[in-house]
């Protein structure tokens, strides 16, 4: 379990195909310091396991499925990545519940300066992800816990403050760039329970969506 609070920005050293999986090597002096073999590390929001460690290098095995369902497959040598170790039992909970299991990817449609160094970012998302996104709700973008500013047809917007731009990779992302998206797990459980209660019919699902629109959670 993670919180979406990035601890450090690492750098991809290499991505190599080995024995049916892809070996990802990430260099970082902060997270690697305490990392142990078997530890879970969030890399741009994707939960991966440390399988080897050499000084400030951490080694991970990445499956084909992980590469298909996230932006990990686009990593190249030099790619900057957000890093967060799994939350400890006594750690501070500063973001929201983040599992590290990516729902899919979105694309940055636009970035607008909003004054005072604040940046508004508009992101396109596929319908399978969009249905879980609500205004003022939580979402993890490349592993970073953020609040949804607004929801629109085909996407949503978030606001990035200067601090977030400085301590994560999001400030350097540009129009057209892909980002990993993980929606709030609470919404998925609510959908499951409501679907079971209502008989999981298309009509009832549409009624639920209309109610959310009436309450201003989606538009």
N, C-alpha and C. Protein backbone atom coordinates (compact mmCIF):
# COMPACT_ATOMS: atom_id res chain seq x y z
N UNK A 1 0.84 -1.19 0.00
CA UNK A 1 0.00 0.00 0.00
C UNK A 1 0.88 1.25 0.00
N UNK A 2 0.45 2.25 -0.79
CA UNK A 2 1.19 3.50 -0.88
C UNK A 2 0.24 4.67 -0.57
N UNK A 3 0.80 5.86 -0.49
CA UNK A 3 -0.02 7.03 -0.19
C UNK A 3 -0.03 8.05 -1.32
N UNK A 4 0.82 7.87 -2.33
CA UNK A 4 0.88 8.82 -3.43
C UNK A 4 1.73 10.04 -3.12
N UNK A 5 2.53 9.96 -2.05
CA UNK A 5 3.46 11.05 -1.72
C UNK A 5 4.86 10.63 -2.16
N UNK A 6 5.32 11.21 -3.25
CA UNK A 6 6.62 10.84 -3.82
C UNK A 6 7.75 11.18 -2.86
N UNK A 7 8.65 10.22 -2.68
CA UNK A 7 9.78 10.43 -1.79
C UNK A 7 11.01 10.93 -2.53
N UNK A 8 11.12 10.52 -3.79
CA UNK A 8 12.31 10.91 -4.55
C UNK A 8 12.05 10.74 -6.04
N UNK A 9 12.86 11.40 -6.86
CA UNK A 9 12.83 11.21 -8.30
C UNK A 9 14.06 10.41 -8.69
N UNK A 10 13.83 9.22 -9.23
CA UNK A 10 14.93 8.37 -9.67
C UNK A 10 15.12 8.47 -11.17
N UNK A 11 16.08 7.71 -11.67
CA UNK A 11 16.36 7.72 -13.11
C UNK A 11 16.55 6.29 -13.60
N UNK A 12 15.91 5.99 -14.72
CA UNK A 12 16.05 4.67 -15.32
C UNK A 12 17.45 4.51 -15.89
N UNK A 13 18.15 3.47 -15.43
CA UNK A 13 19.50 3.20 -15.94
C UNK A 13 19.44 2.32 -17.18
N UNK A 14 18.51 1.35 -17.16
CA UNK A 14 18.39 0.46 -18.32
C UNK A 14 17.09 -0.32 -18.27
N UNK A 15 16.67 -0.80 -19.44
CA UNK A 15 15.53 -1.71 -19.61
C UNK A 15 16.01 -2.80 -20.56
N UNK A 16 16.16 -4.02 -20.06
CA UNK A 16 16.68 -5.11 -20.87
C UNK A 16 15.81 -6.35 -20.75
N UNK A 17 15.61 -7.02 -21.89
CA UNK A 17 14.83 -8.25 -21.92
C UNK A 17 15.70 -9.40 -21.41
N UNK A 18 15.21 -10.12 -20.38
CA UNK A 18 15.97 -11.23 -19.82
C UNK A 18 15.03 -12.34 -19.37
N UNK A 19 15.22 -13.52 -19.93
CA UNK A 19 14.52 -14.72 -19.47
C UNK A 19 13.00 -14.54 -19.40
N UNK A 20 12.41 -13.98 -20.43
CA UNK A 20 10.96 -13.86 -20.50
C UNK A 20 10.36 -12.66 -19.80
N UNK A 21 11.17 -11.90 -19.09
CA UNK A 21 10.70 -10.66 -18.46
C UNK A 21 11.67 -9.54 -18.83
N UNK A 22 11.29 -8.32 -18.47
CA UNK A 22 12.16 -7.18 -18.73
C UNK A 22 12.78 -6.71 -17.43
N UNK A 23 14.09 -6.61 -17.43
CA UNK A 23 14.79 -6.13 -16.24
C UNK A 23 14.87 -4.60 -16.28
N UNK A 24 14.30 -3.98 -15.25
CA UNK A 24 14.34 -2.53 -15.11
C UNK A 24 15.32 -2.18 -14.00
N UNK A 25 16.24 -1.28 -14.31
CA UNK A 25 17.22 -0.83 -13.32
C UNK A 25 17.02 0.66 -13.09
N UNK A 26 16.80 1.02 -11.83
CA UNK A 26 16.57 2.42 -11.46
C UNK A 26 17.65 2.88 -10.49
N UNK A 27 18.19 4.05 -10.76
CA UNK A 27 19.22 4.63 -9.90
C UNK A 27 18.61 5.72 -9.05
N UNK A 28 18.86 5.65 -7.75
CA UNK A 28 18.35 6.66 -6.83
C UNK A 28 19.07 6.52 -5.49
N UNK A 29 19.48 7.65 -4.94
CA UNK A 29 20.24 7.61 -3.69
C UNK A 29 19.38 7.65 -2.44
N UNK A 30 18.10 8.02 -2.59
CA UNK A 30 17.23 8.20 -1.43
C UNK A 30 16.48 6.91 -1.09
N UNK A 31 15.64 6.45 -2.01
CA UNK A 31 14.83 5.26 -1.77
C UNK A 31 15.69 4.01 -1.68
N UNK A 32 16.73 3.92 -2.51
CA UNK A 32 17.58 2.74 -2.53
C UNK A 32 18.34 2.55 -1.21
N UNK A 33 18.52 3.63 -0.47
CA UNK A 33 19.29 3.56 0.78
C UNK A 33 18.71 2.55 1.75
N UNK A 34 17.39 2.52 1.87
CA UNK A 34 16.74 1.61 2.82
C UNK A 34 16.07 0.42 2.14
N UNK A 35 16.08 0.39 0.81
CA UNK A 35 15.40 -0.69 0.09
C UNK A 35 16.10 -2.03 0.30
N UNK A 36 15.28 -3.06 0.45
CA UNK A 36 15.78 -4.42 0.61
C UNK A 36 15.16 -5.30 -0.48
N UNK A 37 15.84 -6.40 -0.78
CA UNK A 37 15.29 -7.34 -1.75
C UNK A 37 13.95 -7.86 -1.24
N UNK A 38 12.94 -7.80 -2.10
CA UNK A 38 11.58 -8.19 -1.73
C UNK A 38 10.69 -7.03 -1.40
N UNK A 39 11.26 -5.84 -1.24
CA UNK A 39 10.45 -4.66 -0.95
C UNK A 39 9.62 -4.23 -2.16
N UNK A 40 8.47 -3.65 -1.88
CA UNK A 40 7.62 -3.08 -2.94
C UNK A 40 7.93 -1.60 -3.07
N UNK A 41 8.15 -1.17 -4.31
CA UNK A 41 8.44 0.23 -4.61
C UNK A 41 7.47 0.70 -5.69
N UNK A 42 6.87 1.87 -5.48
CA UNK A 42 6.01 2.46 -6.50
C UNK A 42 6.89 3.26 -7.46
N UNK A 43 6.87 2.86 -8.73
CA UNK A 43 7.64 3.56 -9.77
C UNK A 43 6.65 4.16 -10.76
N UNK A 44 6.49 5.46 -10.71
CA UNK A 44 5.46 6.16 -11.49
C UNK A 44 4.09 5.52 -11.24
N UNK A 45 3.87 5.11 -9.98
CA UNK A 45 2.58 4.58 -9.60
C UNK A 45 2.42 3.09 -9.77
N UNK A 46 3.42 2.42 -10.35
CA UNK A 46 3.36 0.97 -10.58
C UNK A 46 4.12 0.25 -9.47
N UNK A 47 3.44 -0.66 -8.79
CA UNK A 47 4.07 -1.41 -7.71
C UNK A 47 4.96 -2.50 -8.27
N UNK A 48 6.26 -2.41 -8.01
CA UNK A 48 7.23 -3.40 -8.46
C UNK A 48 8.07 -3.87 -7.28
N UNK A 49 8.63 -5.08 -7.41
CA UNK A 49 9.39 -5.69 -6.33
C UNK A 49 10.88 -5.63 -6.59
N UNK A 50 11.64 -5.22 -5.60
CA UNK A 50 13.09 -5.19 -5.71
C UNK A 50 13.60 -6.63 -5.73
N UNK A 51 14.27 -7.02 -6.81
CA UNK A 51 14.80 -8.39 -6.92
C UNK A 51 16.31 -8.44 -6.75
N UNK A 52 16.93 -7.26 -6.81
CA UNK A 52 18.38 -7.18 -6.68
C UNK A 52 18.76 -5.74 -6.37
N UNK A 53 19.86 -5.57 -5.67
CA UNK A 53 20.30 -4.22 -5.33
C UNK A 53 21.81 -4.14 -5.38
N UNK A 54 22.31 -3.08 -5.99
CA UNK A 54 23.75 -2.82 -6.05
C UNK A 54 23.98 -1.35 -5.77
N UNK A 55 24.46 -1.02 -4.58
CA UNK A 55 24.71 0.36 -4.19
C UNK A 55 23.42 1.17 -4.35
N UNK A 56 23.41 2.18 -5.23
CA UNK A 56 22.22 3.00 -5.41
C UNK A 56 21.35 2.54 -6.58
N UNK A 57 21.59 1.31 -7.05
CA UNK A 57 20.79 0.75 -8.14
C UNK A 57 19.82 -0.30 -7.61
N UNK A 58 18.56 -0.19 -8.05
CA UNK A 58 17.55 -1.17 -7.70
C UNK A 58 17.10 -1.88 -8.98
N UNK A 59 16.97 -3.20 -8.90
CA UNK A 59 16.62 -4.02 -10.06
C UNK A 59 15.21 -4.58 -9.87
N UNK A 60 14.42 -4.53 -10.95
CA UNK A 60 13.03 -5.00 -10.91
C UNK A 60 12.76 -5.85 -12.15
N UNK A 61 11.92 -6.88 -11.99
CA UNK A 61 11.45 -7.67 -13.12
C UNK A 61 10.07 -7.17 -13.50
N UNK A 62 9.90 -6.81 -14.77
CA UNK A 62 8.64 -6.24 -15.25
C UNK A 62 7.99 -7.19 -16.24
N UNK A 63 6.76 -7.59 -15.96
CA UNK A 63 6.05 -8.52 -16.85
C UNK A 63 5.55 -7.79 -18.09
N UNK A 64 5.21 -8.58 -19.12
CA UNK A 64 4.66 -8.00 -20.34
C UNK A 64 3.33 -7.31 -20.06
N UNK A 65 2.52 -7.89 -19.16
CA UNK A 65 1.23 -7.31 -18.83
C UNK A 65 1.39 -5.94 -18.20
N UNK A 66 2.36 -5.79 -17.30
CA UNK A 66 2.61 -4.50 -16.66
C UNK A 66 3.02 -3.46 -17.70
N UNK A 67 3.82 -3.88 -18.66
CA UNK A 67 4.24 -2.94 -19.71
C UNK A 67 3.08 -2.54 -20.60
N UNK A 68 2.17 -3.47 -20.85
CA UNK A 68 1.02 -3.16 -21.70
C UNK A 68 0.03 -2.24 -21.01
N UNK A 69 -0.17 -2.43 -19.72
CA UNK A 69 -1.22 -1.71 -19.01
C UNK A 69 -0.75 -0.42 -18.34
N UNK A 70 0.52 -0.09 -18.48
CA UNK A 70 1.06 1.13 -17.87
C UNK A 70 2.08 1.76 -18.81
N UNK A 71 2.65 2.87 -18.35
CA UNK A 71 3.65 3.56 -19.15
C UNK A 71 5.06 3.02 -18.97
N UNK A 72 5.20 1.95 -18.18
CA UNK A 72 6.53 1.39 -17.94
C UNK A 72 7.19 0.94 -19.24
N UNK A 73 6.37 0.44 -20.16
CA UNK A 73 6.92 -0.04 -21.42
C UNK A 73 7.60 1.04 -22.25
N UNK A 74 7.34 2.30 -21.92
CA UNK A 74 7.94 3.41 -22.67
C UNK A 74 9.20 3.96 -22.00
N UNK A 75 9.58 3.36 -20.87
CA UNK A 75 10.80 3.81 -20.20
C UNK A 75 12.01 3.56 -21.08
N UNK A 76 12.94 4.51 -21.06
CA UNK A 76 14.23 4.35 -21.71
C UNK A 76 15.31 4.84 -20.76
N UNK A 77 16.53 4.57 -21.08
CA UNK A 77 17.63 5.04 -20.25
C UNK A 77 17.56 6.56 -20.10
N UNK A 78 17.55 7.03 -18.85
CA UNK A 78 17.48 8.47 -18.59
C UNK A 78 16.11 8.96 -18.20
N UNK A 79 15.07 8.13 -18.35
CA UNK A 79 13.72 8.53 -17.96
C UNK A 79 13.65 8.81 -16.46
N UNK A 80 13.10 9.94 -16.09
CA UNK A 80 12.92 10.29 -14.68
C UNK A 80 11.63 9.67 -14.17
N UNK A 81 11.68 9.10 -12.97
CA UNK A 81 10.50 8.41 -12.43
C UNK A 81 10.25 8.81 -10.97
N UNK A 82 8.97 8.86 -10.59
CA UNK A 82 8.59 9.12 -9.21
C UNK A 82 8.73 7.83 -8.41
N UNK A 83 9.34 7.93 -7.23
CA UNK A 83 9.55 6.76 -6.39
C UNK A 83 8.92 6.93 -5.01
N UNK A 84 8.28 5.86 -4.55
CA UNK A 84 7.73 5.84 -3.19
C UNK A 84 7.81 4.42 -2.65
N UNK A 85 8.46 4.21 -1.52
CA UNK A 85 8.46 2.88 -0.91
C UNK A 85 7.10 2.59 -0.30
N UNK A 86 6.81 1.31 -0.10
CA UNK A 86 5.53 0.94 0.51
C UNK A 86 5.43 1.57 1.89
N UNK A 87 4.20 1.91 2.26
CA UNK A 87 3.96 2.57 3.52
C UNK A 87 4.26 1.64 4.70
N UNK A 88 4.99 2.14 5.70
CA UNK A 88 5.28 1.36 6.90
C UNK A 88 4.09 1.44 7.85
N UNK A 89 3.99 0.48 8.77
CA UNK A 89 2.85 0.42 9.69
C UNK A 89 2.71 1.70 10.51
N UNK A 90 3.83 2.32 10.86
CA UNK A 90 3.76 3.53 11.69
C UNK A 90 3.98 4.80 10.91
N UNK A 91 3.90 4.71 9.56
CA UNK A 91 4.16 5.88 8.73
C UNK A 91 3.01 6.87 8.72
N UNK A 92 3.31 8.09 8.33
CA UNK A 92 2.30 9.14 8.23
C UNK A 92 1.52 8.98 6.94
N UNK A 93 0.21 9.09 7.04
CA UNK A 93 -0.65 8.95 5.85
C UNK A 93 -0.97 10.34 5.31
N UNK A 94 -0.23 10.75 4.27
CA UNK A 94 -0.38 12.11 3.77
C UNK A 94 -1.19 12.26 2.50
N UNK A 95 -1.43 11.15 1.77
CA UNK A 95 -2.15 11.25 0.51
C UNK A 95 -3.49 10.53 0.57
N UNK A 96 -3.64 9.45 -0.22
CA UNK A 96 -4.83 8.61 -0.13
C UNK A 96 -4.41 7.16 -0.39
N UNK A 97 -5.34 6.24 -0.26
CA UNK A 97 -5.01 4.83 -0.47
C UNK A 97 -4.63 4.59 -1.93
N UNK A 98 -3.39 4.21 -2.15
CA UNK A 98 -2.89 3.92 -3.50
C UNK A 98 -2.33 2.50 -3.49
N UNK A 99 -2.82 1.66 -4.39
CA UNK A 99 -2.42 0.25 -4.39
C UNK A 99 -1.19 -0.03 -5.24
N UNK A 100 -0.93 0.84 -6.23
CA UNK A 100 0.16 0.57 -7.16
C UNK A 100 -0.26 -0.32 -8.30
N UNK A 101 -1.58 -0.57 -8.42
CA UNK A 101 -2.13 -1.37 -9.51
C UNK A 101 -2.80 -0.40 -10.49
N UNK A 102 -2.13 -0.10 -11.56
CA UNK A 102 -2.58 0.91 -12.50
C UNK A 102 -3.85 0.48 -13.23
N UNK A 103 -4.81 1.41 -13.35
CA UNK A 103 -6.04 1.14 -14.10
C UNK A 103 -5.82 1.29 -15.60
N UNK A 104 -4.85 2.10 -15.97
CA UNK A 104 -4.57 2.36 -17.37
C UNK A 104 -3.80 3.65 -17.51
N UNK A 105 -3.73 4.15 -18.72
CA UNK A 105 -2.98 5.39 -18.96
C UNK A 105 -3.89 6.47 -19.54
N UNK A 106 -3.50 7.71 -19.30
CA UNK A 106 -4.18 8.86 -19.87
C UNK A 106 -3.17 9.69 -20.65
N UNK A 107 -3.65 10.70 -21.33
CA UNK A 107 -2.77 11.57 -22.13
C UNK A 107 -3.00 13.03 -21.75
N UNK A 108 -1.94 13.75 -21.55
CA UNK A 108 -2.06 15.17 -21.23
C UNK A 108 -2.55 15.92 -22.47
N UNK A 109 -3.71 16.54 -22.33
CA UNK A 109 -4.30 17.30 -23.44
C UNK A 109 -3.81 18.74 -23.46
N UNK A 110 -3.65 19.32 -22.27
CA UNK A 110 -3.24 20.72 -22.19
C UNK A 110 -2.66 21.04 -20.82
N UNK A 111 -1.84 22.09 -20.79
CA UNK A 111 -1.31 22.64 -19.54
C UNK A 111 -1.47 24.15 -19.59
N UNK A 112 -2.02 24.72 -18.51
CA UNK A 112 -2.26 26.16 -18.47
C UNK A 112 -1.69 26.75 -17.19
N UNK A 113 -1.01 27.88 -17.32
CA UNK A 113 -0.54 28.59 -16.13
C UNK A 113 -1.74 29.23 -15.45
N UNK A 114 -1.86 29.02 -14.13
CA UNK A 114 -3.01 29.54 -13.40
C UNK A 114 -2.62 30.63 -12.42
N UNK A 115 -1.39 31.13 -12.53
CA UNK A 115 -0.92 32.20 -11.66
C UNK A 115 -0.22 31.68 -10.42
N UNK A 116 0.82 32.39 -10.00
CA UNK A 116 1.55 32.02 -8.79
C UNK A 116 2.32 30.73 -8.92
N UNK A 117 2.65 30.34 -10.15
CA UNK A 117 3.38 29.09 -10.37
C UNK A 117 2.50 27.87 -10.41
N UNK A 118 1.19 28.06 -10.21
CA UNK A 118 0.24 26.95 -10.25
C UNK A 118 -0.06 26.57 -11.70
N UNK A 119 -0.16 25.28 -11.97
CA UNK A 119 -0.41 24.80 -13.33
C UNK A 119 -1.67 23.95 -13.35
N UNK A 120 -2.58 24.26 -14.27
CA UNK A 120 -3.75 23.40 -14.48
C UNK A 120 -3.41 22.42 -15.60
N UNK A 121 -3.66 21.15 -15.35
CA UNK A 121 -3.36 20.11 -16.34
C UNK A 121 -4.65 19.39 -16.70
N UNK A 122 -4.93 19.32 -18.00
CA UNK A 122 -6.11 18.62 -18.50
C UNK A 122 -5.64 17.27 -19.06
N UNK A 123 -6.27 16.20 -18.60
CA UNK A 123 -5.86 14.85 -18.99
C UNK A 123 -7.04 14.10 -19.60
N UNK A 124 -6.79 13.49 -20.75
CA UNK A 124 -7.80 12.63 -21.37
C UNK A 124 -7.71 11.24 -20.74
N UNK A 125 -8.85 10.61 -20.52
CA UNK A 125 -8.88 9.27 -19.92
C UNK A 125 -9.91 8.41 -20.63
N UNK A 126 -9.64 7.13 -20.82
CA UNK A 126 -10.61 6.24 -21.46
C UNK A 126 -11.83 6.03 -20.57
N UNK A 127 -12.98 5.68 -21.15
CA UNK A 127 -14.23 5.52 -20.38
C UNK A 127 -14.12 4.56 -19.20
N UNK A 128 -13.36 3.49 -19.34
CA UNK A 128 -13.23 2.51 -18.27
C UNK A 128 -12.61 3.11 -17.01
N UNK A 129 -11.81 4.15 -17.19
CA UNK A 129 -11.20 4.86 -16.07
C UNK A 129 -12.05 6.06 -15.68
N UNK A 130 -12.57 6.76 -16.68
CA UNK A 130 -13.32 7.99 -16.46
C UNK A 130 -14.51 7.78 -15.53
N UNK A 131 -15.13 6.63 -15.57
CA UNK A 131 -16.33 6.40 -14.77
C UNK A 131 -16.05 6.43 -13.27
N UNK A 132 -14.80 6.25 -12.87
CA UNK A 132 -14.45 6.26 -11.45
C UNK A 132 -13.94 7.62 -10.97
N UNK A 133 -13.83 8.57 -11.87
CA UNK A 133 -13.26 9.87 -11.53
C UNK A 133 -14.37 10.85 -11.16
N UNK A 134 -14.30 11.43 -9.98
CA UNK A 134 -15.31 12.38 -9.53
C UNK A 134 -14.64 13.69 -9.12
N UNK A 135 -15.36 14.79 -9.32
CA UNK A 135 -14.83 16.10 -8.96
C UNK A 135 -14.56 16.17 -7.46
N UNK A 136 -13.39 16.67 -7.11
CA UNK A 136 -12.91 16.78 -5.73
C UNK A 136 -12.51 15.43 -5.13
N UNK A 137 -12.51 14.39 -5.96
CA UNK A 137 -12.07 13.09 -5.50
C UNK A 137 -10.57 12.95 -5.67
N UNK A 138 -10.04 11.81 -5.23
CA UNK A 138 -8.60 11.56 -5.30
C UNK A 138 -8.25 10.71 -6.51
N UNK A 139 -7.05 10.95 -7.04
CA UNK A 139 -6.54 10.14 -8.15
C UNK A 139 -5.02 10.15 -8.05
N UNK A 140 -4.40 9.04 -8.45
CA UNK A 140 -2.94 8.97 -8.49
C UNK A 140 -2.49 9.07 -9.95
N UNK A 141 -1.67 10.06 -10.23
CA UNK A 141 -1.15 10.28 -11.58
C UNK A 141 0.35 10.07 -11.54
N UNK A 142 0.83 9.06 -12.26
CA UNK A 142 2.24 8.65 -12.18
C UNK A 142 2.66 8.46 -10.72
N UNK A 143 1.72 7.94 -9.93
CA UNK A 143 2.02 7.65 -8.53
C UNK A 143 1.87 8.81 -7.58
N UNK A 144 1.46 9.97 -8.07
CA UNK A 144 1.33 11.16 -7.24
C UNK A 144 -0.13 11.37 -6.85
N UNK A 145 -0.40 11.46 -5.56
CA UNK A 145 -1.75 11.67 -5.06
C UNK A 145 -2.20 13.11 -5.33
N UNK A 146 -3.29 13.26 -6.08
CA UNK A 146 -3.80 14.59 -6.43
C UNK A 146 -5.32 14.62 -6.32
N UNK A 147 -5.86 15.83 -6.26
CA UNK A 147 -7.30 16.03 -6.19
C UNK A 147 -7.83 16.43 -7.56
N UNK A 148 -8.90 15.79 -7.98
CA UNK A 148 -9.53 16.12 -9.26
C UNK A 148 -10.19 17.49 -9.15
N UNK A 149 -9.78 18.43 -9.98
CA UNK A 149 -10.34 19.78 -9.95
C UNK A 149 -11.68 19.83 -10.66
N UNK A 150 -11.78 19.14 -11.79
CA UNK A 150 -13.02 19.15 -12.56
C UNK A 150 -13.07 17.91 -13.43
N UNK A 151 -14.28 17.51 -13.80
CA UNK A 151 -14.49 16.37 -14.69
C UNK A 151 -15.22 16.87 -15.92
N UNK A 152 -14.76 16.43 -17.08
CA UNK A 152 -15.40 16.83 -18.34
C UNK A 152 -15.53 15.60 -19.23
N UNK A 153 -16.22 15.76 -20.35
CA UNK A 153 -16.39 14.63 -21.26
C UNK A 153 -15.03 14.15 -21.76
N UNK A 154 -14.73 12.90 -21.51
CA UNK A 154 -13.49 12.31 -22.01
C UNK A 154 -12.26 12.59 -21.18
N UNK A 155 -12.41 13.27 -20.06
CA UNK A 155 -11.23 13.55 -19.26
C UNK A 155 -11.51 14.33 -17.99
N UNK A 156 -10.47 14.90 -17.44
CA UNK A 156 -10.57 15.63 -16.18
C UNK A 156 -9.39 16.58 -16.06
N UNK A 157 -9.42 17.42 -15.06
CA UNK A 157 -8.32 18.36 -14.84
C UNK A 157 -7.86 18.30 -13.40
N UNK A 158 -6.58 18.59 -13.21
CA UNK A 158 -6.00 18.67 -11.87
C UNK A 158 -5.18 19.96 -11.80
N UNK A 159 -4.85 20.38 -10.60
CA UNK A 159 -4.04 21.58 -10.41
C UNK A 159 -2.77 21.18 -9.67
N UNK A 160 -1.63 21.60 -10.20
CA UNK A 160 -0.34 21.26 -9.60
C UNK A 160 0.28 22.53 -9.02
N UNK A 161 0.59 22.49 -7.73
CA UNK A 161 1.24 23.63 -7.08
C UNK A 161 2.74 23.56 -7.33
N UNK A 162 3.47 24.66 -7.14
CA UNK A 162 4.91 24.67 -7.41
C UNK A 162 5.68 23.58 -6.67
N UNK A 163 5.30 23.28 -5.43
CA UNK A 163 6.00 22.24 -4.67
C UNK A 163 5.89 20.89 -5.38
N UNK A 164 4.69 20.55 -5.83
CA UNK A 164 4.49 19.28 -6.52
C UNK A 164 5.28 19.23 -7.81
N UNK A 165 5.33 20.34 -8.52
CA UNK A 165 6.11 20.41 -9.76
C UNK A 165 7.59 20.15 -9.50
N UNK A 166 8.06 20.62 -8.34
CA UNK A 166 9.48 20.52 -8.03
C UNK A 166 9.92 19.17 -7.52
N UNK A 167 9.02 18.44 -6.84
CA UNK A 167 9.42 17.18 -6.20
C UNK A 167 8.90 15.94 -6.94
N UNK A 168 8.22 16.14 -8.06
CA UNK A 168 7.76 15.01 -8.87
C UNK A 168 8.11 15.28 -10.34
N UNK A 169 7.82 14.32 -11.18
CA UNK A 169 8.11 14.48 -12.61
C UNK A 169 6.98 15.20 -13.35
N UNK A 170 5.87 15.47 -12.67
CA UNK A 170 4.70 16.02 -13.36
C UNK A 170 4.95 17.41 -13.94
N UNK A 171 5.78 18.20 -13.27
CA UNK A 171 6.06 19.54 -13.77
C UNK A 171 6.74 19.54 -15.12
N UNK A 172 7.45 18.46 -15.43
CA UNK A 172 8.19 18.37 -16.70
C UNK A 172 7.39 17.69 -17.80
N UNK A 173 6.21 17.18 -17.47
CA UNK A 173 5.38 16.53 -18.47
C UNK A 173 4.79 17.57 -19.43
N UNK A 174 4.62 17.17 -20.68
CA UNK A 174 4.13 18.09 -21.70
C UNK A 174 2.89 17.54 -22.40
N UNK A 175 2.26 18.38 -23.19
CA UNK A 175 1.09 17.99 -23.97
C UNK A 175 1.44 16.77 -24.83
N UNK A 176 0.57 15.77 -24.78
CA UNK A 176 0.80 14.56 -25.55
C UNK A 176 1.49 13.45 -24.78
N UNK A 177 2.05 13.78 -23.62
CA UNK A 177 2.73 12.77 -22.81
C UNK A 177 1.71 11.84 -22.15
N UNK A 178 2.10 10.60 -21.99
CA UNK A 178 1.25 9.60 -21.34
C UNK A 178 1.52 9.58 -19.84
N UNK A 179 0.48 9.34 -19.05
CA UNK A 179 0.63 9.25 -17.60
C UNK A 179 -0.13 8.03 -17.09
N UNK A 180 0.41 7.39 -16.05
CA UNK A 180 -0.27 6.27 -15.42
C UNK A 180 -1.39 6.79 -14.51
N UNK A 181 -2.53 6.12 -14.55
CA UNK A 181 -3.67 6.54 -13.75
C UNK A 181 -4.16 5.41 -12.85
N UNK A 182 -4.35 5.73 -11.58
CA UNK A 182 -5.00 4.81 -10.65
C UNK A 182 -6.09 5.57 -9.92
N UNK A 183 -7.33 5.18 -10.14
CA UNK A 183 -8.45 5.86 -9.50
C UNK A 183 -8.60 5.37 -8.06
N UNK A 184 -9.39 6.10 -7.30
CA UNK A 184 -9.59 5.79 -5.89
C UNK A 184 -10.27 4.42 -5.73
N UNK A 185 -9.63 3.53 -5.00
CA UNK A 185 -10.15 2.17 -4.84
C UNK A 185 -11.50 2.15 -4.14
N UNK A 186 -11.79 3.16 -3.34
CA UNK A 186 -13.08 3.20 -2.64
C UNK A 186 -14.23 3.24 -3.63
N UNK A 187 -14.06 4.00 -4.71
CA UNK A 187 -15.10 4.09 -5.72
C UNK A 187 -15.38 2.74 -6.38
N UNK A 188 -14.35 1.93 -6.54
CA UNK A 188 -14.53 0.61 -7.17
C UNK A 188 -15.33 -0.31 -6.27
N UNK A 189 -15.07 -0.23 -4.96
CA UNK A 189 -15.84 -1.05 -4.03
C UNK A 189 -17.29 -0.59 -3.97
N UNK A 190 -17.49 0.73 -3.99
CA UNK A 190 -18.86 1.25 -3.98
C UNK A 190 -19.62 0.75 -5.20
N UNK A 191 -18.97 0.79 -6.38
CA UNK A 191 -19.62 0.32 -7.61
C UNK A 191 -19.99 -1.15 -7.48
N UNK A 192 -19.10 -1.96 -6.93
CA UNK A 192 -19.35 -3.39 -6.80
C UNK A 192 -20.55 -3.66 -5.89
N UNK A 193 -20.57 -2.95 -4.75
CA UNK A 193 -21.66 -3.16 -3.80
C UNK A 193 -23.00 -2.67 -4.37
N UNK A 194 -22.98 -1.50 -5.02
CA UNK A 194 -24.21 -0.96 -5.59
C UNK A 194 -24.72 -1.85 -6.72
N UNK A 195 -23.78 -2.36 -7.55
CA UNK A 195 -24.18 -3.23 -8.65
C UNK A 195 -24.82 -4.51 -8.13
N UNK A 196 -24.26 -5.07 -7.06
CA UNK A 196 -24.81 -6.29 -6.48
C UNK A 196 -26.20 -6.02 -5.90
N UNK A 197 -26.36 -4.88 -5.28
CA UNK A 197 -27.64 -4.52 -4.64
C UNK A 197 -28.72 -4.24 -5.68
N UNK A 198 -28.32 -3.60 -6.79
CA UNK A 198 -29.30 -3.16 -7.79
C UNK A 198 -29.54 -4.18 -8.89
N UNK A 199 -28.80 -5.27 -8.87
CA UNK A 199 -28.99 -6.28 -9.90
C UNK A 199 -28.08 -6.09 -11.09
N UNK A 200 -27.20 -5.07 -11.01
CA UNK A 200 -26.19 -4.85 -12.04
C UNK A 200 -26.79 -4.65 -13.43
N UNK A 201 -27.93 -3.96 -13.53
CA UNK A 201 -28.53 -3.69 -14.82
C UNK A 201 -28.03 -2.36 -15.36
N UNK A 202 -28.05 -2.24 -16.69
CA UNK A 202 -27.58 -1.01 -17.33
C UNK A 202 -28.41 0.18 -16.88
N UNK A 203 -29.72 -0.04 -16.71
CA UNK A 203 -30.60 1.04 -16.30
C UNK A 203 -30.25 1.59 -14.94
N UNK A 204 -29.98 0.71 -13.99
CA UNK A 204 -29.63 1.15 -12.65
C UNK A 204 -28.29 1.86 -12.63
N UNK A 205 -27.35 1.39 -13.45
CA UNK A 205 -26.04 2.04 -13.53
C UNK A 205 -26.19 3.47 -14.05
N UNK A 206 -27.08 3.64 -15.04
CA UNK A 206 -27.30 4.97 -15.60
C UNK A 206 -27.97 5.88 -14.58
N UNK A 207 -28.89 5.33 -13.76
CA UNK A 207 -29.53 6.12 -12.72
C UNK A 207 -28.51 6.61 -11.70
N UNK A 208 -27.55 5.74 -11.37
CA UNK A 208 -26.51 6.12 -10.42
C UNK A 208 -25.65 7.24 -11.00
N UNK A 209 -25.31 7.13 -12.28
CA UNK A 209 -24.51 8.18 -12.92
C UNK A 209 -25.26 9.50 -12.94
N UNK A 210 -26.56 9.44 -13.23
CA UNK A 210 -27.37 10.66 -13.26
C UNK A 210 -27.42 11.31 -11.88
N UNK A 211 -27.50 10.49 -10.84
CA UNK A 211 -27.53 11.02 -9.47
C UNK A 211 -26.20 11.71 -9.15
N UNK A 212 -25.12 11.12 -9.57
CA UNK A 212 -23.81 11.74 -9.33
C UNK A 212 -23.69 13.07 -10.07
N UNK A 213 -24.27 13.13 -11.27
CA UNK A 213 -24.25 14.38 -12.03
C UNK A 213 -25.08 15.44 -11.31
N UNK A 214 -26.22 15.03 -10.78
CA UNK A 214 -27.09 15.98 -10.08
C UNK A 214 -26.39 16.56 -8.85
N UNK A 215 -25.59 15.75 -8.19
CA UNK A 215 -24.88 16.18 -6.99
C UNK A 215 -23.61 16.95 -7.31
N UNK A 216 -23.28 17.06 -8.60
CA UNK A 216 -22.11 17.84 -9.01
C UNK A 216 -20.79 17.12 -8.98
N UNK A 217 -20.83 15.76 -8.78
CA UNK A 217 -19.58 15.03 -8.74
C UNK A 217 -19.00 14.85 -10.15
N UNK A 218 -19.86 14.69 -11.15
CA UNK A 218 -19.41 14.60 -12.53
C UNK A 218 -20.30 15.49 -13.39
N UNK A 219 -19.80 15.76 -14.58
CA UNK A 219 -20.56 16.61 -15.49
C UNK A 219 -20.84 15.88 -16.80
